Amino acid sequence: MLLFSGCKKEEDDEIYLDSTKTIKISDGISVDNGYHIHDSNLNLKAYDAFLKYLTSSNHFKIVTQREFANATSNDKVIISLRYDIDDDINAAIKFAYREKKYGIRSTYYILHSSGYYGITKLNYFKRNDKIIRYLQKIQNDFGQEIGWHNDLVTLQIVYNIDSRKYLKDELGWLRANGINVYGAVAHGREYCYQYHYLNSYFWNHTIGASQGFFYNWEYVPIGGEYKKIEKDNLSSYNLEYDGDQFMADYRFADVNRDNGKMWYMGKVNFDAIQPGKKVIIILHPQHWD
């Protein structure tokens, strides 16, 4: 069993795994392909080793999130790699570059309320139009799927922005620029914990409960008023799936902690997982760069 750990290095030492020192996004825009080791388990060298391990074995079938629900196999473990791009689009570029090298296709969920996507504040949103170049690079050059990282309830409740109109407009802009968006997953914003809601409550098919921590699934008390959560259906936006609804035998995520330490791939013996089982691995690229 591989541990997928990187060697100990000084944090100031920049490391390159191959001869490609920069990744060109477009004229005037490029991403440094180097990285620093801040954690011996969560770094690009360990991530690269994991990709090599997956593709050098006949034990695994790797699929995108769009393919996951219908994927089956009698002799392989089905794995879908999901990347939530919370705040570092450059790290996502480095991930997609490495996946292309190994012939892996996965799904990158863009967070519309992040700083790389635009400026979001009370009653105001301004998109960073240059982000489309990064997404085109990930999709067109590296062959990956782009998904929507849903922070829509936050958008409505906290920022007082019409979430349904916003989603229609942004998906329209992305698709007009050649980005195919088929699915969404919810973002776990800090406001979700402050006001006890989930962003998945935007969807009519997500039924909450009055018990538990995220009990505000219809109304959210904020600023002295109760705001009713705007809801809608996937079909209203030509979306095919909600990745949070997928049934998986195993679901691993780097944000899960054990004794204060984040999860990493070396904690699991993937070779021991039985063929036919379905696995989702959720990573946040900024933790690995």
C-alpha atoms as a PDB file:
ATOM      1  CA  MET A   1       0.000   0.000   0.000  1.00  0.00           C
ATOM      2  CA  LEU A   2       1.419   3.384  -1.007  1.00  0.00           C
ATOM      3  CA  LEU A   3       1.412   6.229   1.481  1.00  0.00           C
ATOM      4  CA  PHE A   4       1.402   8.967  -1.174  1.00  0.00           C
ATOM      5  CA  SER A   5       3.574  11.194   1.002  1.00  0.00           C
ATOM      6  CA  GLY A   6       6.008  13.832  -0.168  1.00  0.00           C
ATOM      7  CA  CYS A   7       9.487  14.241   1.219  1.00  0.00           C
ATOM      8  CA  LYS A   8      10.232  16.836   3.845  1.00  0.00           C
ATOM      9  CA  LYS A   9      11.370  20.137   2.332  1.00  0.00           C
ATOM     10  CA  GLU A  10      11.798  23.670   3.511  1.00  0.00           C
ATOM     11  CA  GLU A  11       8.694  25.713   2.757  1.00  0.00           C
ATOM     12  CA  ASP A  12      10.764  28.270   0.806  1.00  0.00           C
ATOM     13  CA  ASP A  13      11.963  25.619  -1.654  1.00  0.00           C
ATOM     14  CA  GLU A  14       9.862  25.605  -4.808  1.00  0.00           C
ATOM     15  CA  ILE A  15       9.602  22.190  -6.434  1.00  0.00           C
ATOM     16  CA  TYR A  16       8.814  21.204 -10.024  1.00  0.00           C
ATOM     17  CA  LEU A  17       7.765  17.661 -10.876  1.00  0.00           C
ATOM     18  CA  ASP A  18       8.646  17.910 -14.562  1.00  0.00           C
ATOM     19  CA  SER A  19      10.125  20.255 -17.148  1.00  0.00           C
ATOM     20  CA  THR A  20       6.940  22.334 -17.485  1.00  0.00           C
ATOM     21  CA  LYS A  21       7.681  25.315 -15.255  1.00  0.00           C
ATOM     22  CA  THR A  22       4.705  27.412 -16.326  1.00  0.00           C
ATOM     23  CA  ILE A  23       1.256  26.589 -17.689  1.00  0.00           C
ATOM     24  CA  LYS A  24      -0.019  29.065 -20.266  1.00  0.00           C
ATOM     25  CA  ILE A  25      -3.660  30.019 -19.807  1.00  0.00           C
ATOM     26  CA  SER A  26      -3.871  32.631 -22.572  1.00  0.00           C
ATOM     27  CA  ASP A  27      -1.800  35.503 -23.909  1.00  0.00           C
ATOM     28  CA  GLY A  28      -0.535  37.377 -20.871  1.00  0.00           C
ATOM     29  CA  ILE A  29      -1.828  34.819 -18.335  1.00  0.00           C
ATOM     30  CA  SER A  30       0.173  31.871 -17.024  1.00  0.00           C
ATOM     31  CA  VAL A  31       0.393  29.760 -13.870  1.00  0.00           C
ATOM     32  CA  ASP A  32       3.640  28.790 -12.156  1.00  0.00           C
ATOM     33  CA  ASN A  33       3.676  24.983 -12.119  1.00  0.00           C
ATOM     34  CA  GLY A  34       5.861  24.732  -9.033  1.00  0.00           C
ATOM     35  CA  TYR A  35       4.713  24.032  -5.497  1.00  0.00           C
ATOM     36  CA  HIS A  36       5.857  24.110  -1.889  1.00  0.00           C
ATOM     37  CA  ILE A  37       5.569  21.329   0.670  1.00  0.00           C
ATOM     38  CA  HIS A  38       3.756  22.649   3.712  1.00  0.00           C
ATOM     39  CA  ASP A  39       2.500  19.214   4.729  1.00  0.00           C
ATOM     40  CA  SER A  40       4.212  15.874   4.106  1.00  0.00           C
ATOM     41  CA  ASN A  41       0.882  14.206   3.266  1.00  0.00           C
ATOM     42  CA  LEU A  42      -1.025  16.959   1.478  1.00  0.00           C
ATOM     43  CA  ASN A  43       1.112  18.205  -1.395  1.00  0.00           C
ATOM     44  CA  LEU A  44       1.307  17.973  -5.160  1.00  0.00           C
ATOM     45  CA  LYS A  45       3.986  15.292  -5.116  1.00  0.00           C
ATOM     46  CA  ALA A  46       1.776  13.007  -3.014  1.00  0.00           C
ATOM     47  CA  TYR A  47      -1.199  13.837  -5.228  1.00  0.00           C
ATOM     48  CA  ASP A  48       0.800  13.073  -8.372  1.00  0.00           C
ATOM     49  CA  ALA A  49       1.893   9.738  -6.879  1.00  0.00           C
ATOM     50  CA  PHE A  50      -1.745   8.864  -6.182  1.00  0.00           C
ATOM     51  CA  LEU A  51      -2.747   9.574  -9.785  1.00  0.00           C
ATOM     52  CA  LYS A  52       0.109   7.397 -11.006  1.00  0.00           C
ATOM     53  CA  TYR A  53      -0.993   4.629  -8.638  1.00  0.00           C
ATOM     54  CA  LEU A  54      -4.593   4.763  -9.885  1.00  0.00           C
ATOM     55  CA  THR A  55      -3.656   4.613 -13.549  1.00  0.00           C
ATOM     56  CA  SER A  56      -0.990   1.923 -13.167  1.00  0.00           C
ATOM     57  CA  SER A  57      -3.516  -0.491 -11.662  1.00  0.00           C
ATOM     58  CA  ASN A  58      -6.258  -2.499 -13.374  1.00  0.00           C
ATOM     59  CA  HIS A  59      -8.292  -2.334 -10.161  1.00  0.00           C
ATOM     60  CA  PHE A  60      -9.926   1.037 -10.834  1.00  0.00           C
ATOM     61  CA  LYS A  61     -12.310   2.665 -13.278  1.00  0.00           C
ATOM     62  CA  ILE A  62     -12.168   6.461 -13.041  1.00  0.00           C
ATOM     63  CA  VAL A  63     -15.223   8.474 -14.091  1.00  0.00           C
ATOM     64  CA  THR A  64     -16.426  12.059 -13.971  1.00  0.00           C
ATOM     65  CA  GLN A  65     -19.228  13.127 -11.660  1.00  0.00           C
ATOM     66  CA  ARG A  66     -21.581  13.275 -14.624  1.00  0.00           C
ATOM     67  CA  GLU A  67     -20.822   9.626 -15.374  1.00  0.00           C
ATOM     68  CA  PHE A  68     -20.840   8.427 -11.772  1.00  0.00           C
ATOM     69  CA  ALA A  69     -24.522   7.664 -11.164  1.00  0.00           C
ATOM     70  CA  ASN A  70     -24.782   5.271 -14.116  1.00  0.00           C
ATOM     71  CA  ALA A  71     -21.285   3.798 -13.908  1.00  0.00           C
ATOM     72  CA  THR A  72     -21.054   0.077 -13.115  1.00  0.00           C
ATOM     73  CA  SER A  73     -18.343  -2.564 -13.168  1.00  0.00           C
ATOM     74  CA  ASN A  74     -18.028  -6.200 -12.176  1.00  0.00           C
ATOM     75  CA  ASP A  75     -14.249  -6.244 -11.967  1.00  0.00           C
ATOM     76  CA  LYS A  76     -13.182  -2.712 -11.034  1.00  0.00           C
ATOM     77  CA  VAL A  77     -13.683  -0.178  -8.268  1.00  0.00           C
ATOM     78  CA  ILE A  78     -15.413   2.905  -9.640  1.00  0.00           C
ATOM     79  CA  ILE A  79     -13.767   6.134  -8.485  1.00  0.00           C
ATOM     80  CA  SER A  80     -14.880   9.690  -9.157  1.00  0.00           C
ATOM     81  CA  LEU A  81     -12.491  12.497  -8.261  1.00  0.00           C
ATOM     82  CA  ARG A  82     -14.299  15.681  -7.267  1.00  0.00           C
ATOM     83  CA  TYR A  83     -12.501  18.988  -6.780  1.00  0.00           C
ATOM     84  CA  ASP A  84     -14.153  21.901  -4.984  1.00  0.00           C
ATOM     85  CA  ILE A  85     -12.282  25.037  -6.079  1.00  0.00           C
ATOM     86  CA  ASP A  86     -12.979  27.177  -3.041  1.00  0.00           C
ATOM     87  CA  ASP A  87     -10.350  29.889  -3.353  1.00  0.00           C
ATOM     88  CA  ASP A  88      -7.361  28.948  -5.533  1.00  0.00           C
ATOM     89  CA  ILE A  89      -7.941  28.564  -9.258  1.00  0.00           C
ATOM     90  CA  ASN A  90      -4.184  28.274  -9.896  1.00  0.00           C
ATOM     91  CA  ALA A  91      -3.984  25.139  -7.750  1.00  0.00           C
ATOM     92  CA  ALA A  92      -6.876  23.682  -9.755  1.00  0.00           C
ATOM     93  CA  ILE A  93      -4.946  24.337 -12.971  1.00  0.00           C
ATOM     94  CA  LYS A  94      -2.007  22.361 -11.563  1.00  0.00           C
ATOM     95  CA  PHE A  95      -4.336  19.492 -10.657  1.00  0.00           C
ATOM     96  CA  ALA A  96      -5.926  19.413 -14.116  1.00  0.00           C
ATOM     97  CA  TYR A  97      -2.510  19.519 -15.792  1.00  0.00           C
ATOM     98  CA  ARG A  98      -1.430  16.427 -13.860  1.00  0.00           C
ATOM     99  CA  GLU A  99      -4.658  14.570 -14.556  1.00  0.00           C
ATOM    100  CA  LYS A 100      -4.225  15.220 -18.271  1.00  0.00           C
ATOM    101  CA  LYS A 101      -0.730  13.723 -18.009  1.00  0.00           C
ATOM    102  CA  TYR A 102      -2.180  10.489 -16.608  1.00  0.00           C
ATOM    103  CA  GLY A 103      -5.245  10.389 -18.866  1.00  0.00           C
ATOM    104  CA  ILE A 104      -7.656  10.967 -15.970  1.00  0.00           C
ATOM    105  CA  ARG A 105     -10.947  12.844 -16.313  1.00  0.00           C
ATOM    106  CA  SER A 106     -12.617  14.295 -13.243  1.00  0.00           C
ATOM    107  CA  THR A 107     -14.860  17.188 -12.210  1.00  0.00           C
ATOM    108  CA  TYR A 108     -13.927  20.695 -11.045  1.00  0.00           C
ATOM    109  CA  TYR A 109     -16.637  22.663  -9.231  1.00  0.00           C
ATOM    110  CA  ILE A 110     -16.215  26.423  -9.529  1.00  0.00           C
ATOM    111  CA  LEU A 111     -17.305  28.550  -6.567  1.00  0.00           C
ATOM    112  CA  HIS A 112     -19.213  31.556  -7.864  1.00  0.00           C
ATOM    113  CA  SER A 113     -18.855  33.502  -4.599  1.00  0.00           C
ATOM    114  CA  SER A 114     -15.059  33.133  -4.525  1.00  0.00           C
ATOM    115  CA  GLY A 115     -12.605  35.942  -5.100  1.00  0.00           C
ATOM    116  CA  TYR A 116     -11.290  34.379  -8.305  1.00  0.00           C
ATOM    117  CA  TYR A 117     -14.784  34.319  -9.848  1.00  0.00           C
ATOM    118  CA  GLY A 118     -15.760  37.866  -8.946  1.00  0.00           C
ATOM    119  CA  ILE A 119     -16.684  40.352  -6.241  1.00  0.00           C
ATOM    120  CA  THR A 120     -19.729  39.511  -4.134  1.00  0.00           C
ATOM    121  CA  LYS A 121     -21.080  41.781  -1.419  1.00  0.00           C
ATOM    122  CA  LEU A 122     -24.420  43.110  -0.187  1.00  0.00           C
ATOM    123  CA  ASN A 123     -26.679  43.826  -3.164  1.00  0.00           C
ATOM    124  CA  TYR A 124     -23.707  43.651  -5.519  1.00  0.00           C
ATOM    125  CA  PHE A 125     -21.918  41.202  -7.791  1.00  0.00           C
ATOM    126  CA  LYS A 126     -19.263  41.826 -10.428  1.00  0.00           C
ATOM    127  CA  ARG A 127     -17.860  38.899 -12.367  1.00  0.00           C
ATOM    128  CA  ASN A 128     -14.172  38.492 -13.184  1.00  0.00           C
ATOM    129  CA  ASP A 129     -14.495  37.853 -16.911  1.00  0.00           C
ATOM    130  CA  LYS A 130     -10.922  36.551 -17.135  1.00  0.00           C
ATOM    131  CA  ILE A 131     -11.968  33.453 -15.202  1.00  0.00           C
ATOM    132  CA  ILE A 132     -13.375  32.021 -18.419  1.00  0.00           C
ATOM    133  CA  ARG A 133      -9.824  31.520 -19.732  1.00  0.00           C
ATOM    134  CA  TYR A 134      -8.978  29.303 -16.768  1.00  0.00           C
ATOM    135  CA  LEU A 135     -12.150  27.276 -17.155  1.00  0.00           C
ATOM    136  CA  GLN A 136     -11.580  26.848 -20.877  1.00  0.00           C
ATOM    137  CA  LYS A 137      -8.078  25.611 -20.086  1.00  0.00           C
ATOM    138  CA  ILE A 138      -9.385  23.053 -17.603  1.00  0.00           C
ATOM    139  CA  GLN A 139     -12.184  21.850 -19.880  1.00  0.00           C
ATOM    140  CA  ASN A 140     -10.807  22.172 -23.405  1.00  0.00           C
ATOM    141  CA  ASP A 141      -7.073  21.631 -23.004  1.00  0.00           C
ATOM    142  CA  PHE A 142      -7.065  19.262 -20.050  1.00  0.00           C
ATOM    143  CA  GLY A 143     -10.337  17.446 -20.840  1.00  0.00           C
ATOM    144  CA  GLN A 144     -12.022  17.881 -17.456  1.00  0.00           C
ATOM    145  CA  GLU A 145     -15.661  18.458 -16.510  1.00  0.00           C
ATOM    146  CA  ILE A 146     -16.686  21.810 -15.025  1.00  0.00           C
ATOM    147  CA  GLY A 147     -19.430  21.867 -12.382  1.00  0.00           C
ATOM    148  CA  TRP A 148     -21.197  24.515 -10.287  1.00  0.00           C
ATOM    149  CA  HIS A 149     -20.219  24.868  -6.608  1.00  0.00           C
ATOM    150  CA  ASN A 150     -23.499  26.070  -5.190  1.00  0.00           C
ATOM    151  CA  ASP A 151     -23.433  28.966  -2.682  1.00  0.00           C
ATOM    152  CA  LEU A 152     -26.855  30.187  -3.763  1.00  0.00           C
ATOM    153  CA  VAL A 153     -28.659  30.259  -0.424  1.00  0.00           C
ATOM    154  CA  THR A 154     -25.814  32.365   0.960  1.00  0.00           C
ATOM    155  CA  LEU A 155     -26.157  34.633  -2.053  1.00  0.00           C
ATOM    156  CA  GLN A 156     -29.811  35.258  -1.266  1.00  0.00           C
ATOM    157  CA  ILE A 157     -29.839  35.206   2.530  1.00  0.00           C
ATOM    158  CA  VAL A 158     -26.585  37.047   3.275  1.00  0.00           C
ATOM    159  CA  TYR A 159     -26.000  39.191   0.181  1.00  0.00           C
ATOM    160  CA  ASN A 160     -29.615  39.887  -0.793  1.00  0.00           C
ATOM    161  CA  ILE A 161     -29.071  38.825  -4.408  1.00  0.00           C
ATOM    162  CA  ASP A 162     -31.780  37.100  -6.448  1.00  0.00           C
ATOM    163  CA  SER A 163     -30.343  33.582  -6.527  1.00  0.00           C
ATOM    164  CA  ARG A 164     -32.530  32.209  -9.307  1.00  0.00           C
ATOM    165  CA  LYS A 165     -31.862  35.068 -11.709  1.00  0.00           C
ATOM    166  CA  TYR A 166     -28.184  34.972 -10.787  1.00  0.00           C
ATOM    167  CA  LEU A 167     -27.883  31.254 -11.530  1.00  0.00           C
ATOM    168  CA  LYS A 168     -29.664  31.633 -14.858  1.00  0.00           C
ATOM    169  CA  ASP A 169     -27.437  34.549 -15.860  1.00  0.00           C
ATOM    170  CA  GLU A 170     -24.156  32.939 -14.825  1.00  0.00           C
ATOM    171  CA  LEU A 171     -24.855  29.563 -16.385  1.00  0.00           C
ATOM    172  CA  GLY A 172     -25.930  31.401 -19.523  1.00  0.00           C
ATOM    173  CA  TRP A 173     -22.642  33.300 -19.595  1.00  0.00           C
ATOM    174  CA  LEU A 174     -20.555  30.188 -18.984  1.00  0.00           C
ATOM    175  CA  ARG A 175     -22.343  28.184 -21.657  1.00  0.00           C
ATOM    176  CA  ALA A 176     -22.195  31.050 -24.161  1.00  0.00           C
ATOM    177  CA  ASN A 177     -18.433  30.915 -23.705  1.00  0.00           C
ATOM    178  CA  GLY A 178     -18.299  27.181 -24.372  1.00  0.00           C
ATOM    179  CA  ILE A 179     -18.233  25.884 -20.798  1.00  0.00           C
ATOM    180  CA  ASN A 180     -20.534  22.881 -20.374  1.00  0.00           C
ATOM    181  CA  VAL A 181     -22.060  22.742 -16.898  1.00  0.00           C
ATOM    182  CA  TYR A 182     -24.152  19.652 -16.175  1.00  0.00           C
ATOM    183  CA  GLY A 183     -24.161  19.388 -12.392  1.00  0.00           C
ATOM    184  CA  ALA A 184     -23.777  21.084  -9.041  1.00  0.00           C
ATOM    185  CA  VAL A 185     -22.681  20.399  -5.474  1.00  0.00           C
ATOM    186  CA  ALA A 186     -23.212  22.558  -2.392  1.00  0.00           C
ATOM    187  CA  HIS A 187     -20.543  24.708  -0.771  1.00  0.00           C
ATOM    188  CA  GLY A 188     -20.202  24.633   3.022  1.00  0.00           C
ATOM    189  CA  ARG A 189     -19.851  28.347   3.740  1.00  0.00           C
ATOM    190  CA  GLU A 190     -19.169  29.670   7.250  1.00  0.00           C
ATOM    191  CA  TYR A 191     -22.569  31.369   7.099  1.00  0.00           C
ATOM    192  CA  CYS A 192     -24.171  27.931   6.854  1.00  0.00           C
ATOM    193  CA  TYR A 193     -22.975  27.234  10.390  1.00  0.00           C
ATOM    194  CA  GLN A 194     -23.859  30.686  11.654  1.00  0.00           C
ATOM    195  CA  TYR A 195     -27.418  30.608  10.324  1.00  0.00           C
ATOM    196  CA  HIS A 196     -27.998  26.818  10.270  1.00  0.00           C
ATOM    197  CA  TYR A 197     -28.779  26.203   6.605  1.00  0.00           C
ATOM    198  CA  LEU A 198     -27.286  24.245   3.714  1.00  0.00           C
ATOM    199  CA  ASN A 199     -26.811  25.594   0.217  1.00  0.00           C
ATOM    200  CA  SER A 200     -28.394  22.386  -1.066  1.00  0.00           C
ATOM    201  CA  TYR A 201     -31.688  23.764   0.305  1.00  0.00           C
ATOM    202  CA  PHE A 202     -31.861  25.814  -2.888  1.00  0.00           C
ATOM    203  CA  TRP A 203     -33.080  22.679  -4.659  1.00  0.00           C
ATOM    204  CA  ASN A 204     -36.674  21.550  -4.273  1.00  0.00           C
ATOM    205  CA  HIS A 205     -35.547  17.920  -4.104  1.00  0.00           C
ATOM    206  CA  THR A 206     -33.517  18.558  -0.926  1.00  0.00           C
ATOM    207  CA  ILE A 207     -35.764  18.107   2.097  1.00  0.00           C
ATOM    208  CA  GLY A 208     -34.401  19.351   5.382  1.00  0.00           C
ATOM    209  CA  ALA A 209     -35.509  18.638   8.927  1.00  0.00           C
ATOM    210  CA  SER A 210     -36.359  20.779  11.922  1.00  0.00           C
ATOM    211  CA  GLN A 211     -33.957  18.683  13.985  1.00  0.00           C
ATOM    212  CA  GLY A 212     -30.190  18.564  13.618  1.00  0.00           C
ATOM    213  CA  PHE A 213     -27.734  21.415  13.098  1.00  0.00           C
ATOM    214  CA  PHE A 214     -28.905  22.689   9.686  1.00  0.00           C
ATOM    215  CA  TYR A 215     -32.534  23.096  10.646  1.00  0.00           C
ATOM    216  CA  ASN A 216     -33.358  26.259   8.675  1.00  0.00           C
ATOM    217  CA  TRP A 217     -34.377  24.679   5.396  1.00  0.00           C
ATOM    218  CA  GLU A 218     -37.391  26.860   4.600  1.00  0.00           C
ATOM    219  CA  TYR A 219     -36.823  30.131   6.446  1.00  0.00           C
ATOM    220  CA  VAL A 220     -33.637  31.711   7.811  1.00  0.00           C
ATOM    221  CA  PRO A 221     -33.774  34.322  10.603  1.00  0.00           C
ATOM    222  CA  ILE A 222     -31.296  37.091   9.790  1.00  0.00           C
ATOM    223  CA  GLY A 223     -31.183  40.823  10.465  1.00  0.00           C
ATOM    224  CA  GLY A 224     -34.407  40.819  12.433  1.00  0.00           C
ATOM    225  CA  GLU A 225     -36.476  39.105   9.732  1.00  0.00           C
ATOM    226  CA  TYR A 226     -37.253  35.620   8.470  1.00  0.00           C
ATOM    227  CA  LYS A 227     -36.140  35.165   4.896  1.00  0.00           C
ATOM    228  CA  LYS A 228     -37.819  32.436   2.899  1.00  0.00           C
ATOM    229  CA  ILE A 229     -35.270  30.424   0.943  1.00  0.00           C
ATOM    230  CA  GLU A 230     -35.724  30.682  -2.816  1.00  0.00           C
ATOM    231  CA  LYS A 231     -35.906  27.198  -4.318  1.00  0.00           C
ATOM    232  CA  ASP A 232     -35.953  25.715  -7.789  1.00  0.00           C
ATOM    233  CA  ASN A 233     -35.402  22.563  -9.834  1.00  0.00           C
ATOM    234  CA  LEU A 234     -32.322  21.347 -11.678  1.00  0.00           C
ATOM    235  CA  SER A 235     -34.311  21.176 -14.895  1.00  0.00           C
ATOM    236  CA  SER A 236     -34.997  24.923 -14.771  1.00  0.00           C
ATOM    237  CA  TYR A 237     -31.303  25.452 -15.554  1.00  0.00           C
ATOM    238  CA  ASN A 238     -30.695  22.463 -17.828  1.00  0.00           C
ATOM    239  CA  LEU A 239     -28.709  20.763 -15.086  1.00  0.00           C
ATOM    240  CA  GLU A 240     -28.652  16.975 -14.992  1.00  0.00           C
ATOM    241  CA  TYR A 241     -27.473  16.106 -11.499  1.00  0.00           C
ATOM    242  CA  ASP A 242     -26.892  17.201  -7.922  1.00  0.00           C
ATOM    243  CA  GLY A 243     -23.673  15.506  -6.846  1.00  0.00           C
ATOM    244  CA  ASP A 244     -24.694  15.678  -3.198  1.00  0.00           C
ATOM    245  CA  GLN A 245     -27.420  13.153  -3.991  1.00  0.00           C
ATOM    246  CA  PHE A 246     -25.084  10.471  -5.340  1.00  0.00           C
ATOM    247  CA  MET A 247     -25.144   7.096  -3.642  1.00  0.00           C
ATOM    248  CA  ALA A 248     -21.589   5.922  -2.953  1.00  0.00           C
ATOM    249  CA  ASP A 249     -20.178   3.023  -0.959  1.00  0.00           C
ATOM    250  CA  TYR A 250     -17.306   5.208   0.202  1.00  0.00           C
ATOM    251  CA  ARG A 251     -16.996   8.974   0.324  1.00  0.00           C
ATOM    252  CA  PHE A 252     -13.673  10.483   1.379  1.00  0.00           C
ATOM    253  CA  ALA A 253     -12.825  14.184   1.750  1.00  0.00           C
ATOM    254  CA  ASP A 254      -9.664  16.035   2.686  1.00  0.00           C
ATOM    255  CA  VAL A 255     -11.637  18.391   4.946  1.00  0.00           C
ATOM    256  CA  ASN A 256     -12.553  15.498   7.239  1.00  0.00           C
ATOM    257  CA  ARG A 257     -10.275  15.515  10.255  1.00  0.00           C
ATOM    258  CA  ASP A 258      -8.909  12.851  12.564  1.00  0.00           C
ATOM    259  CA  ASN A 259      -7.239  14.185  15.714  1.00  0.00           C
ATOM    260  CA  GLY A 260      -6.992  17.562  14.039  1.00  0.00           C
ATOM    261  CA  LYS A 261      -5.285  16.190  10.921  1.00  0.00           C
ATOM    262  CA  MET A 262      -6.867  16.413   7.487  1.00  0.00           C
ATOM    263  CA  TRP A 263      -7.681  13.244   5.573  1.00  0.00           C
ATOM    264  CA  TYR A 264      -5.314  12.164   2.795  1.00  0.00           C
ATOM    265  CA  MET A 265      -5.230   9.189   0.442  1.00  0.00           C
ATOM    266  CA  GLY A 266      -2.623   7.240   2.405  1.00  0.00           C
ATOM    267  CA  LYS A 267      -5.208   6.624   5.124  1.00  0.00           C
ATOM    268  CA  VAL A 268      -7.095   4.203   2.860  1.00  0.00           C
ATOM    269  CA  ASN A 269      -6.009   0.889   1.367  1.00  0.00           C
ATOM    270  CA  PHE A 270      -7.744   1.319  -1.978  1.00  0.00           C
ATOM    271  CA  ASP A 271      -6.486  -2.075  -3.150  1.00  0.00           C
ATOM    272  CA  ALA A 272      -8.676  -3.694  -0.479  1.00  0.00           C
ATOM    273  CA  ILE A 273     -11.901  -2.130  -1.795  1.00  0.00           C
ATOM    274  CA  GLN A 274     -13.985  -4.772  -3.550  1.00  0.00           C
ATOM    275  CA  PRO A 275     -14.699  -4.534  -7.301  1.00  0.00           C
ATOM    276  CA  GLY A 276     -18.095  -3.058  -8.050  1.00  0.00           C
ATOM    277  CA  LYS A 277     -17.935  -0.633  -5.139  1.00  0.00           C
ATOM    278  CA  LYS A 278     -18.307   3.066  -5.872  1.00  0.00           C
ATOM    279  CA  VAL A 279     -16.036   5.719  -4.369  1.00  0.00           C
ATOM    280  CA  ILE A 280     -16.088   9.516  -4.374  1.00  0.00           C
ATOM    281  CA  ILE A 281     -12.938  11.389  -3.360  1.00  0.00           C
ATOM    282  CA  ILE A 282     -13.449  15.090  -2.591  1.00  0.00           C
ATOM    283  CA  LEU A 283     -10.354  17.285  -2.610  1.00  0.00           C
ATOM    284  CA  HIS A 284      -9.799  21.028  -2.313  1.00  0.00           C
ATOM    285  CA  PRO A 285      -6.776  21.918  -4.477  1.00  0.00           C
ATOM    286  CA  GLN A 286      -5.665  24.821  -2.270  1.00  0.00           C
ATOM    287  CA  HIS A 287      -4.818  22.385   0.547  1.00  0.00           C
ATOM    288  CA  TRP A 288      -2.379  20.489  -1.685  1.00  0.00           C
ATOM    289  CA  ASP A 289      -0.437  23.283  -3.381  1.00  0.00           C
END
